Amino acid sequence: MLRFVAPAVLAVAMAVGGCQASAPTAPSPVHGYVTDMKAFDAFIATHPTPEQFRAAYPDVLLVMPGSITTLEFRTNNSRYYPELDKDGRITGGHFS
C-alpha cells in the first residue's frame, strides 16, 4: 500500500510547493531620463514588452515603429526607438 501512496503524496507535495513561489515583483519606475545605462541595458536584456517599458521608464518616450515624431536630436536619453522581435518584445534599440 505504501508504494502506491508515496508517489501520490510526492506529486501533491511538488504541485503545492510550486504554488508557494512568489510572483515576480515589478521594478520600481525610474523617473526622469535614462542616466544609468548599465541598469537600462540590463532591463532591455529581459526583453520587456512595450507596456513593461512604459511602466519602468514612464518619462522616456517609447517611439514604436510607424510612430511619427519630431526631427530634433535629443542627447538626454529621453526618446527610445526599440527593436522588436516577432512577439513584440523589445530586444534592443537606440536613443535619439
PDB file of N, CA and C in Angstrom:
ATOM      1  N   MET A   1       0.825  -1.197   0.000  1.00  0.00           N
ATOM      2  CA  MET A   1       0.000   0.000   0.000  1.00  0.00           C
ATOM      3  C   MET A   1       0.870   1.262   0.000  1.00  0.00           C
ATOM      4  N   LEU A   2       1.968   1.255   0.750  1.00  0.00           N
ATOM      5  CA  LEU A   2       2.834   2.413   0.850  1.00  0.00           C
ATOM      6  C   LEU A   2       3.445   2.773  -0.500  1.00  0.00           C
ATOM      7  N   ARG A   3       3.779   1.782  -1.318  1.00  0.00           N
ATOM      8  CA  ARG A   3       4.400   2.111  -2.610  1.00  0.00           C
ATOM      9  C   ARG A   3       3.406   2.776  -3.548  1.00  0.00           C
ATOM     10  N   PHE A   4       2.097   2.655  -3.313  1.00  0.00           N
ATOM     11  CA  PHE A   4       1.097   3.346  -4.127  1.00  0.00           C
ATOM     12  C   PHE A   4       0.817   4.755  -3.587  1.00  0.00           C
ATOM     13  N   VAL A   5       0.911   4.935  -2.290  1.00  0.00           N
ATOM     14  CA  VAL A   5       0.615   6.209  -1.660  1.00  0.00           C
ATOM     15  C   VAL A   5       1.783   7.183  -1.811  1.00  0.00           C
ATOM     16  N   ALA A   6       3.003   6.686  -1.691  1.00  0.00           N
ATOM     17  CA  ALA A   6       4.186   7.555  -1.723  1.00  0.00           C
ATOM     18  C   ALA A   6       4.262   8.376  -3.018  1.00  0.00           C
ATOM     19  N   PRO A   7       4.086   7.789  -4.215  1.00  0.00           N
ATOM     20  CA  PRO A   7       4.147   8.620  -5.426  1.00  0.00           C
ATOM     21  C   PRO A   7       3.041   9.677  -5.465  1.00  0.00           C
ATOM     22  N   ALA A   8       1.865   9.350  -4.957  1.00  0.00           N
ATOM     23  CA  ALA A   8       0.770  10.320  -4.950  1.00  0.00           C
ATOM     24  C   ALA A   8       1.088  11.467  -3.997  1.00  0.00           C
ATOM     25  N   VAL A   9       1.620  11.164  -2.834  1.00  0.00           N
ATOM     26  CA  VAL A   9       1.986  12.195  -1.862  1.00  0.00           C
ATOM     27  C   VAL A   9       3.091  13.071  -2.435  1.00  0.00           C
ATOM     28  N   LEU A  10       4.062  12.466  -3.097  1.00  0.00           N
ATOM     29  CA  LEU A  10       5.149  13.218  -3.707  1.00  0.00           C
ATOM     30  C   LEU A  10       4.619  14.153  -4.794  1.00  0.00           C
ATOM     31  N   ALA A  11       3.708  13.694  -5.608  1.00  0.00           N
ATOM     32  CA  ALA A  11       3.138  14.520  -6.672  1.00  0.00           C
ATOM     33  C   ALA A  11       2.379  15.708  -6.086  1.00  0.00           C
ATOM     34  N   VAL A  12       1.618  15.476  -5.023  1.00  0.00           N
ATOM     35  CA  VAL A  12       0.871  16.563  -4.390  1.00  0.00           C
ATOM     36  C   VAL A  12       1.839  17.556  -3.755  1.00  0.00           C
ATOM     37  N   ALA A  13       2.878  17.071  -3.120  1.00  0.00           N
ATOM     38  CA  ALA A  13       3.855  17.961  -2.485  1.00  0.00           C
ATOM     39  C   ALA A  13       4.557  18.829  -3.527  1.00  0.00           C
ATOM     40  N   MET A  14       4.884  18.264  -4.668  1.00  0.00           N
ATOM     41  CA  MET A  14       5.545  19.037  -5.718  1.00  0.00           C
ATOM     42  C   MET A  14       4.598  20.096  -6.277  1.00  0.00           C
ATOM     43  N   ALA A  15       3.340  19.756  -6.459  1.00  0.00           N
ATOM     44  CA  ALA A  15       2.378  20.713  -7.002  1.00  0.00           C
ATOM     45  C   ALA A  15       2.127  21.856  -6.023  1.00  0.00           C
ATOM     46  N   VAL A  16       1.974  21.530  -4.759  1.00  0.00           N
ATOM     47  CA  VAL A  16       1.719  22.552  -3.747  1.00  0.00           C
ATOM     48  C   VAL A  16       2.966  23.406  -3.535  1.00  0.00           C
ATOM     49  N   GLY A  17       4.128  22.796  -3.541  1.00  0.00           N
ATOM     50  CA  GLY A  17       5.379  23.541  -3.365  1.00  0.00           C
ATOM     51  C   GLY A  17       5.574  24.560  -4.466  1.00  0.00           C
ATOM     52  N   GLY A  18       5.171  24.247  -5.689  1.00  0.00           N
ATOM     53  CA  GLY A  18       5.292  25.186  -6.800  1.00  0.00           C
ATOM     54  C   GLY A  18       4.379  26.384  -6.641  1.00  0.00           C
ATOM     55  N   CYS A  19       3.280  26.203  -5.935  1.00  0.00           N
ATOM     56  CA  CYS A  19       2.335  27.302  -5.742  1.00  0.00           C
ATOM     57  C   CYS A  19       2.851  28.341  -4.755  1.00  0.00           C
ATOM     58  N   GLN A  20       3.818  27.959  -3.934  1.00  0.00           N
ATOM     59  CA  GLN A  20       4.303  28.873  -2.916  1.00  0.00           C
ATOM     60  C   GLN A  20       5.358  29.836  -3.449  1.00  0.00           C
ATOM     61  N   ALA A  21       5.802  29.647  -4.660  1.00  0.00           N
ATOM     62  CA  ALA A  21       6.779  30.573  -5.221  1.00  0.00           C
ATOM     63  C   ALA A  21       6.120  31.930  -5.389  1.00  0.00           C
ATOM     64  N   SER A  22       6.811  32.970  -4.956  1.00  0.00           N
ATOM     65  CA  SER A  22       6.219  34.299  -5.038  1.00  0.00           C
ATOM     66  C   SER A  22       6.256  34.810  -6.467  1.00  0.00           C
ATOM     67  N   ALA A  23       5.267  35.601  -6.800  1.00  0.00           N
ATOM     68  CA  ALA A  23       5.201  36.187  -8.133  1.00  0.00           C
ATOM     69  C   ALA A  23       6.292  37.237  -8.247  1.00  0.00           C
ATOM     70  N   PRO A  24       6.912  37.366  -9.433  1.00  0.00           N
ATOM     71  CA  PRO A  24       7.956  38.382  -9.581  1.00  0.00           C
ATOM     72  C   PRO A  24       7.375  39.780  -9.381  1.00  0.00           C
ATOM     73  N   THR A  25       8.120  40.593  -8.691  1.00  0.00           N
ATOM     74  CA  THR A  25       7.652  41.946  -8.438  1.00  0.00           C
ATOM     75  C   THR A  25       8.074  42.855  -9.575  1.00  0.00           C
ATOM     76  N   ALA A  26       7.256  43.817  -9.867  1.00  0.00           N
ATOM     77  CA  ALA A  26       7.572  44.777 -10.920  1.00  0.00           C
ATOM     78  C   ALA A  26       8.644  45.730 -10.406  1.00  0.00           C
ATOM     79  N   PRO A  27       9.586  46.088 -11.276  1.00  0.00           N
ATOM     80  CA  PRO A  27      10.622  47.020 -10.823  1.00  0.00           C
ATOM     81  C   PRO A  27      10.022  48.394 -10.522  1.00  0.00           C
ATOM     82  N   SER A  28      10.678  49.111  -9.651  1.00  0.00           N
ATOM     83  CA  SER A  28      10.227  50.467  -9.338  1.00  0.00           C
ATOM     84  C   SER A  28      10.429  51.350 -10.557  1.00  0.00           C
ATOM     85  N   PRO A  29       9.473  52.214 -10.864  1.00  0.00           N
ATOM     86  CA  PRO A  29       9.636  53.104 -12.018  1.00  0.00           C
ATOM     87  C   PRO A  29      10.839  54.032 -11.840  1.00  0.00           C
ATOM     88  N   VAL A  30      11.543  54.257 -12.928  1.00  0.00           N
ATOM     89  CA  VAL A  30      12.679  55.177 -12.942  1.00  0.00           C
ATOM     90  C   VAL A  30      12.178  56.479 -13.546  1.00  0.00           C
ATOM     91  N   HIS A  31      12.061  57.505 -12.724  1.00  0.00           N
ATOM     92  CA  HIS A  31      11.552  58.787 -13.202  1.00  0.00           C
ATOM     93  C   HIS A  31      12.685  59.621 -13.773  1.00  0.00           C
ATOM     94  N   GLY A  32      12.346  60.450 -14.719  1.00  0.00           N
ATOM     95  CA  GLY A  32      13.347  61.246 -15.405  1.00  0.00           C
ATOM     96  C   GLY A  32      13.877  60.475 -16.605  1.00  0.00           C
ATOM     97  N   TYR A  33      14.965  60.943 -17.137  1.00  0.00           N
ATOM     98  CA  TYR A  33      15.542  60.303 -18.314  1.00  0.00           C
ATOM     99  C   TYR A  33      16.577  59.272 -17.900  1.00  0.00           C
ATOM    100  N   VAL A  34      16.997  58.449 -18.818  1.00  0.00           N
ATOM    101  CA  VAL A  34      17.917  57.360 -18.510  1.00  0.00           C
ATOM    102  C   VAL A  34      19.318  57.927 -18.284  1.00  0.00           C
ATOM    103  N   THR A  35      19.844  57.689 -17.091  1.00  0.00           N
ATOM    104  CA  THR A  35      21.216  58.083 -16.781  1.00  0.00           C
ATOM    105  C   THR A  35      22.071  56.875 -16.423  1.00  0.00           C
ATOM    106  N   ASP A  36      21.455  55.837 -15.896  1.00  0.00           N
ATOM    107  CA  ASP A  36      22.178  54.614 -15.532  1.00  0.00           C
ATOM    108  C   ASP A  36      22.050  53.620 -16.689  1.00  0.00           C
ATOM    109  N   MET A  37      23.010  53.708 -17.612  1.00  0.00           N
ATOM    110  CA  MET A  37      22.933  52.862 -18.806  1.00  0.00           C
ATOM    111  C   MET A  37      23.115  51.383 -18.485  1.00  0.00           C
ATOM    112  N   LYS A  38      23.889  51.059 -17.464  1.00  0.00           N
ATOM    113  CA  LYS A  38      24.086  49.656 -17.103  1.00  0.00           C
ATOM    114  C   LYS A  38      22.758  49.026 -16.666  1.00  0.00           C
ATOM    115  N   ALA A  39      22.015  49.740 -15.814  1.00  0.00           N
ATOM    116  CA  ALA A  39      20.711  49.244 -15.360  1.00  0.00           C
ATOM    117  C   ALA A  39      19.721  49.201 -16.517  1.00  0.00           C
ATOM    118  N   PHE A  40      19.770  50.209 -17.395  1.00  0.00           N
ATOM    119  CA  PHE A  40      18.863  50.232 -18.543  1.00  0.00           C
ATOM    120  C   PHE A  40      19.144  49.059 -19.480  1.00  0.00           C
ATOM    121  N   ASP A  41      20.420  48.815 -19.774  1.00  0.00           N
ATOM    122  CA  ASP A  41      20.776  47.694 -20.648  1.00  0.00           C
ATOM    123  C   ASP A  41      20.370  46.358 -20.034  1.00  0.00           C
ATOM    124  N   ALA A  42      20.515  46.232 -18.724  1.00  0.00           N
ATOM    125  CA  ALA A  42      20.086  45.005 -18.043  1.00  0.00           C
ATOM    126  C   ALA A  42      18.572  44.829 -18.158  1.00  0.00           C
ATOM    127  N   PHE A  43      17.828  45.928 -18.063  1.00  0.00           N
ATOM    128  CA  PHE A  43      16.373  45.871 -18.216  1.00  0.00           C
ATOM    129  C   PHE A  43      16.006  45.450 -19.635  1.00  0.00           C
ATOM    130  N   ILE A  44      16.633  46.044 -20.641  1.00  0.00           N
ATOM    131  CA  ILE A  44      16.345  45.690 -22.036  1.00  0.00           C
ATOM    132  C   ILE A  44      16.703  44.227 -22.305  1.00  0.00           C
ATOM    133  N   ALA A  45      17.718  43.703 -21.646  1.00  0.00           N
ATOM    134  CA  ALA A  45      18.123  42.304 -21.827  1.00  0.00           C
ATOM    135  C   ALA A  45      17.049  41.327 -21.375  1.00  0.00           C
ATOM    136  N   THR A  46      16.076  41.801 -20.580  1.00  0.00           N
ATOM    137  CA  THR A  46      14.970  40.927 -20.158  1.00  0.00           C
ATOM    138  C   THR A  46      13.897  40.820 -21.237  1.00  0.00           C
ATOM    139  N   HIS A  47      14.062  41.580 -22.339  1.00  0.00           N
ATOM    140  CA  HIS A  47      13.109  41.622 -23.449  1.00  0.00           C
ATOM    141  C   HIS A  47      11.709  42.014 -22.972  1.00  0.00           C
ATOM    142  N   PRO A  48      11.603  43.226 -22.426  1.00  0.00           N
ATOM    143  CA  PRO A  48      10.298  43.670 -21.908  1.00  0.00           C
ATOM    144  C   PRO A  48       9.305  43.953 -23.029  1.00  0.00           C
ATOM    145  N   THR A  49       8.046  43.942 -22.677  1.00  0.00           N
ATOM    146  CA  THR A  49       7.007  44.373 -23.605  1.00  0.00           C
ATOM    147  C   THR A  49       6.989  45.897 -23.596  1.00  0.00           C
ATOM    148  N   PRO A  50       6.386  46.529 -24.591  1.00  0.00           N
ATOM    149  CA  PRO A  50       6.263  47.989 -24.545  1.00  0.00           C
ATOM    150  C   PRO A  50       5.555  48.482 -23.278  1.00  0.00           C
ATOM    151  N   GLU A  51       4.582  47.740 -22.783  1.00  0.00           N
ATOM    152  CA  GLU A  51       3.873  48.137 -21.569  1.00  0.00           C
ATOM    153  C   GLU A  51       4.809  48.085 -20.361  1.00  0.00           C
ATOM    154  N   GLN A  52       5.646  47.057 -20.292  1.00  0.00           N
ATOM    155  CA  GLN A  52       6.603  46.955 -19.199  1.00  0.00           C
ATOM    156  C   GLN A  52       7.631  48.082 -19.280  1.00  0.00           C
ATOM    157  N   PHE A  53       8.041  48.432 -20.487  1.00  0.00           N
ATOM    158  CA  PHE A  53       8.980  49.538 -20.668  1.00  0.00           C
ATOM    159  C   PHE A  53       8.365  50.825 -20.148  1.00  0.00           C
ATOM    160  N   ARG A  54       7.142  51.098 -20.559  1.00  0.00           N
ATOM    161  CA  ARG A  54       6.475  52.343 -20.138  1.00  0.00           C
ATOM    162  C   ARG A  54       6.275  52.390 -18.628  1.00  0.00           C
ATOM    163  N   ALA A  55       6.020  51.240 -18.017  1.00  0.00           N
ATOM    164  CA  ALA A  55       5.857  51.200 -16.560  1.00  0.00           C
ATOM    165  C   ALA A  55       7.193  51.430 -15.854  1.00  0.00           C
ATOM    166  N   ALA A  56       8.274  50.896 -16.404  1.00  0.00           N
ATOM    167  CA  ALA A  56       9.584  51.023 -15.776  1.00  0.00           C
ATOM    168  C   ALA A  56      10.223  52.387 -16.023  1.00  0.00           C
ATOM    169  N   TYR A  57      10.001  52.960 -17.211  1.00  0.00           N
ATOM    170  CA  TYR A  57      10.581  54.254 -17.584  1.00  0.00           C
ATOM    171  C   TYR A  57       9.466  55.175 -18.095  1.00  0.00           C
ATOM    172  N   PRO A  58       8.599  55.651 -17.185  1.00  0.00           N
ATOM    173  CA  PRO A  58       7.430  56.422 -17.616  1.00  0.00           C
ATOM    174  C   PRO A  58       7.755  57.771 -18.266  1.00  0.00           C
ATOM    175  N   ASP A  59       8.940  58.317 -18.017  1.00  0.00           N
ATOM    176  CA  ASP A  59       9.279  59.627 -18.564  1.00  0.00           C
ATOM    177  C   ASP A  59      10.049  59.553 -19.881  1.00  0.00           C
ATOM    178  N   VAL A  60      10.349  58.340 -20.339  1.00  0.00           N
ATOM    179  CA  VAL A  60      11.060  58.159 -21.606  1.00  0.00           C
ATOM    180  C   VAL A  60      10.027  57.865 -22.685  1.00  0.00           C
ATOM    181  N   LEU A  61      10.069  58.624 -23.755  1.00  0.00           N
ATOM    182  CA  LEU A  61       9.142  58.416 -24.872  1.00  0.00           C
ATOM    183  C   LEU A  61       9.570  57.174 -25.647  1.00  0.00           C
ATOM    184  N   LEU A  62       8.718  56.181 -25.714  1.00  0.00           N
ATOM    185  CA  LEU A  62       8.975  54.966 -26.477  1.00  0.00           C
ATOM    186  C   LEU A  62       8.364  55.154 -27.855  1.00  0.00           C
ATOM    187  N   VAL A  63       9.212  55.248 -28.868  1.00  0.00           N
ATOM    188  CA  VAL A  63       8.754  55.512 -30.227  1.00  0.00           C
ATOM    189  C   VAL A  63       8.642  54.179 -30.958  1.00  0.00           C
ATOM    190  N   MET A  64       7.422  53.712 -31.101  1.00  0.00           N
ATOM    191  CA  MET A  64       7.176  52.424 -31.746  1.00  0.00           C
ATOM    192  C   MET A  64       7.293  52.556 -33.263  1.00  0.00           C
ATOM    193  N   PRO A  65       7.613  51.459 -33.946  1.00  0.00           N
ATOM    194  CA  PRO A  65       7.691  51.502 -35.409  1.00  0.00           C
ATOM    195  C   PRO A  65       6.394  52.058 -35.999  1.00  0.00           C
ATOM    196  N   GLY A  66       6.537  52.980 -36.942  1.00  0.00           N
ATOM    197  CA  GLY A  66       5.388  53.588 -37.580  1.00  0.00           C
ATOM    198  C   GLY A  66       4.892  54.845 -36.894  1.00  0.00           C
ATOM    199  N   SER A  67       5.445  55.145 -35.712  1.00  0.00           N
ATOM    200  CA  SER A  67       5.045  56.367 -34.996  1.00  0.00           C
ATOM    201  C   SER A  67       5.700  57.581 -35.641  1.00  0.00           C
ATOM    202  N   ILE A  68       5.020  58.702 -35.544  1.00  0.00           N
ATOM    203  CA  ILE A  68       5.545  59.948 -36.093  1.00  0.00           C
ATOM    204  C   ILE A  68       6.126  60.761 -34.940  1.00  0.00           C
ATOM    205  N   THR A  69       7.346  61.284 -35.146  1.00  0.00           N
ATOM    206  CA  THR A  69       7.979  62.118 -34.127  1.00  0.00           C
ATOM    207  C   THR A  69       8.553  63.372 -34.779  1.00  0.00           C
ATOM    208  N   THR A  70       8.960  64.297 -33.944  1.00  0.00           N
ATOM    209  CA  THR A  70       9.642  65.481 -34.445  1.00  0.00           C
ATOM    210  C   THR A  70      11.076  65.106 -34.811  1.00  0.00           C
ATOM    211  N   LEU A  71      11.761  65.989 -35.526  1.00  0.00           N
ATOM    212  CA  LEU A  71      13.094  65.663 -36.027  1.00  0.00           C
ATOM    213  C   LEU A  71      14.233  66.158 -35.149  1.00  0.00           C
ATOM    214  N   GLU A  72      13.955  66.780 -34.007  1.00  0.00           N
ATOM    215  CA  GLU A  72      15.081  67.278 -33.211  1.00  0.00           C
ATOM    216  C   GLU A  72      15.903  66.127 -32.658  1.00  0.00           C
ATOM    217  N   PHE A  73      17.182  66.388 -32.494  1.00  0.00           N
ATOM    218  CA  PHE A  73      18.110  65.391 -31.962  1.00  0.00           C
ATOM    219  C   PHE A  73      18.215  65.591 -30.456  1.00  0.00           C
ATOM    220  N   ARG A  74      17.937  64.566 -29.692  1.00  0.00           N
ATOM    221  CA  ARG A  74      17.976  64.661 -28.234  1.00  0.00           C
ATOM    222  C   ARG A  74      19.228  63.951 -27.724  1.00  0.00           C
ATOM    223  N   THR A  75      19.910  64.573 -26.799  1.00  0.00           N
ATOM    224  CA  THR A  75      21.109  63.963 -26.219  1.00  0.00           C
ATOM    225  C   THR A  75      20.904  63.560 -24.765  1.00  0.00           C
ATOM    226  N   ASN A  76      19.672  63.627 -24.282  1.00  0.00           N
ATOM    227  CA  ASN A  76      19.405  63.361 -22.860  1.00  0.00           C
ATOM    228  C   ASN A  76      18.735  62.009 -22.608  1.00  0.00           C
ATOM    229  N   ASN A  77      18.770  61.099 -23.562  1.00  0.00           N
ATOM    230  CA  ASN A  77      18.172  59.765 -23.401  1.00  0.00           C
ATOM    231  C   ASN A  77      16.710  59.840 -22.985  1.00  0.00           C
ATOM    232  N   SER A  78      15.963  60.692 -23.671  1.00  0.00           N
ATOM    233  CA  SER A  78      14.546  60.866 -23.345  1.00  0.00           C
ATOM    234  C   SER A  78      13.612  60.252 -24.381  1.00  0.00           C
ATOM    235  N   ARG A  79      14.177  59.753 -25.480  1.00  0.00           N
ATOM    236  CA  ARG A  79      13.349  59.163 -26.543  1.00  0.00           C
ATOM    237  C   ARG A  79      14.061  57.903 -27.036  1.00  0.00           C
ATOM    238  N   TYR A  80      13.355  56.766 -26.961  1.00  0.00           N
ATOM    239  CA  TYR A  80      13.955  55.465 -27.287  1.00  0.00           C
ATOM    240  C   TYR A  80      13.223  54.819 -28.450  1.00  0.00           C
ATOM    241  N   TYR A  81      14.002  54.411 -29.443  1.00  0.00           N
ATOM    242  CA  TYR A  81      13.473  53.708 -30.621  1.00  0.00           C
ATOM    243  C   TYR A  81      13.800  52.220 -30.464  1.00  0.00           C
ATOM    244  N   PRO A  82      12.803  51.392 -30.136  1.00  0.00           N
ATOM    245  CA  PRO A  82      13.094  49.982 -29.862  1.00  0.00           C
ATOM    246  C   PRO A  82      13.180  49.127 -31.123  1.00  0.00           C
ATOM    247  N   GLU A  83      13.931  48.056 -30.989  1.00  0.00           N
ATOM    248  CA  GLU A  83      13.913  46.968 -31.965  1.00  0.00           C
ATOM    249  C   GLU A  83      13.052  45.880 -31.340  1.00  0.00           C
ATOM    250  N   LEU A  84      12.111  45.350 -32.107  1.00  0.00           N
ATOM    251  CA  LEU A  84      11.158  44.380 -31.575  1.00  0.00           C
ATOM    252  C   LEU A  84      11.355  43.012 -32.205  1.00  0.00           C
ATOM    253  N   ASP A  85      11.087  41.963 -31.431  1.00  0.00           N
ATOM    254  CA  ASP A  85      11.096  40.617 -32.008  1.00  0.00           C
ATOM    255  C   ASP A  85       9.707  40.313 -32.576  1.00  0.00           C
ATOM    256  N   LYS A  86       9.529  39.112 -33.048  1.00  0.00           N
ATOM    257  CA  LYS A  86       8.265  38.755 -33.698  1.00  0.00           C
ATOM    258  C   LYS A  86       7.081  38.778 -32.729  1.00  0.00           C
ATOM    259  N   ASP A  87       7.363  38.701 -31.431  1.00  0.00           N
ATOM    260  CA  ASP A  87       6.300  38.718 -30.423  1.00  0.00           C
ATOM    261  C   ASP A  87       6.036  40.125 -29.888  1.00  0.00           C
ATOM    262  N   GLY A  88       6.736  41.127 -30.424  1.00  0.00           N
ATOM    263  CA  GLY A  88       6.539  42.497 -29.992  1.00  0.00           C
ATOM    264  C   GLY A  88       7.314  42.879 -28.747  1.00  0.00           C
ATOM    265  N   ARG A  89       8.278  42.051 -28.338  1.00  0.00           N
ATOM    266  CA  ARG A  89       9.109  42.358 -27.175  1.00  0.00           C
ATOM    267  C   ARG A  89      10.328  43.159 -27.616  1.00  0.00           C
ATOM    268  N   ILE A  90      10.799  44.016 -26.750  1.00  0.00           N
ATOM    269  CA  ILE A  90      11.937  44.878 -27.064  1.00  0.00           C
ATOM    270  C   ILE A  90      13.227  44.084 -26.886  1.00  0.00           C
ATOM    271  N   THR A  91      14.018  44.013 -27.954  1.00  0.00           N
ATOM    272  CA  THR A  91      15.271  43.266 -27.916  1.00  0.00           C
ATOM    273  C   THR A  91      16.492  44.173 -28.003  1.00  0.00           C
ATOM    274  N   GLY A  92      16.279  45.434 -28.242  1.00  0.00           N
ATOM    275  CA  GLY A  92      17.365  46.402 -28.361  1.00  0.00           C
ATOM    276  C   GLY A  92      16.777  47.704 -28.849  1.00  0.00           C
ATOM    277  N   GLY A  93      17.642  48.582 -29.328  1.00  0.00           N
ATOM    278  CA  GLY A  93      17.170  49.852 -29.854  1.00  0.00           C
ATOM    279  C   GLY A  93      18.207  50.929 -29.639  1.00  0.00           C
ATOM    280  N   HIS A  94      17.778  52.174 -29.782  1.00  0.00           N
ATOM    281  CA  HIS A  94      18.701  53.289 -29.601  1.00  0.00           C
ATOM    282  C   HIS A  94      17.953  54.537 -29.155  1.00  0.00           C
ATOM    283  N   PHE A  95      18.698  55.436 -28.532  1.00  0.00           N
ATOM    284  CA  PHE A  95      18.168  56.731 -28.136  1.00  0.00           C
ATOM    285  C   PHE A  95      18.418  57.724 -29.264  1.00  0.00           C
ATOM    286  N   SER A  96      17.574  58.737 -29.352  1.00  0.00           N
ATOM    287  CA  SER A  96      17.793  59.785 -30.323  1.00  0.00           C
ATOM    288  C   SER A  96      17.147  61.068 -29.835  1.00  0.00           C
TER     289      SER A  96
END
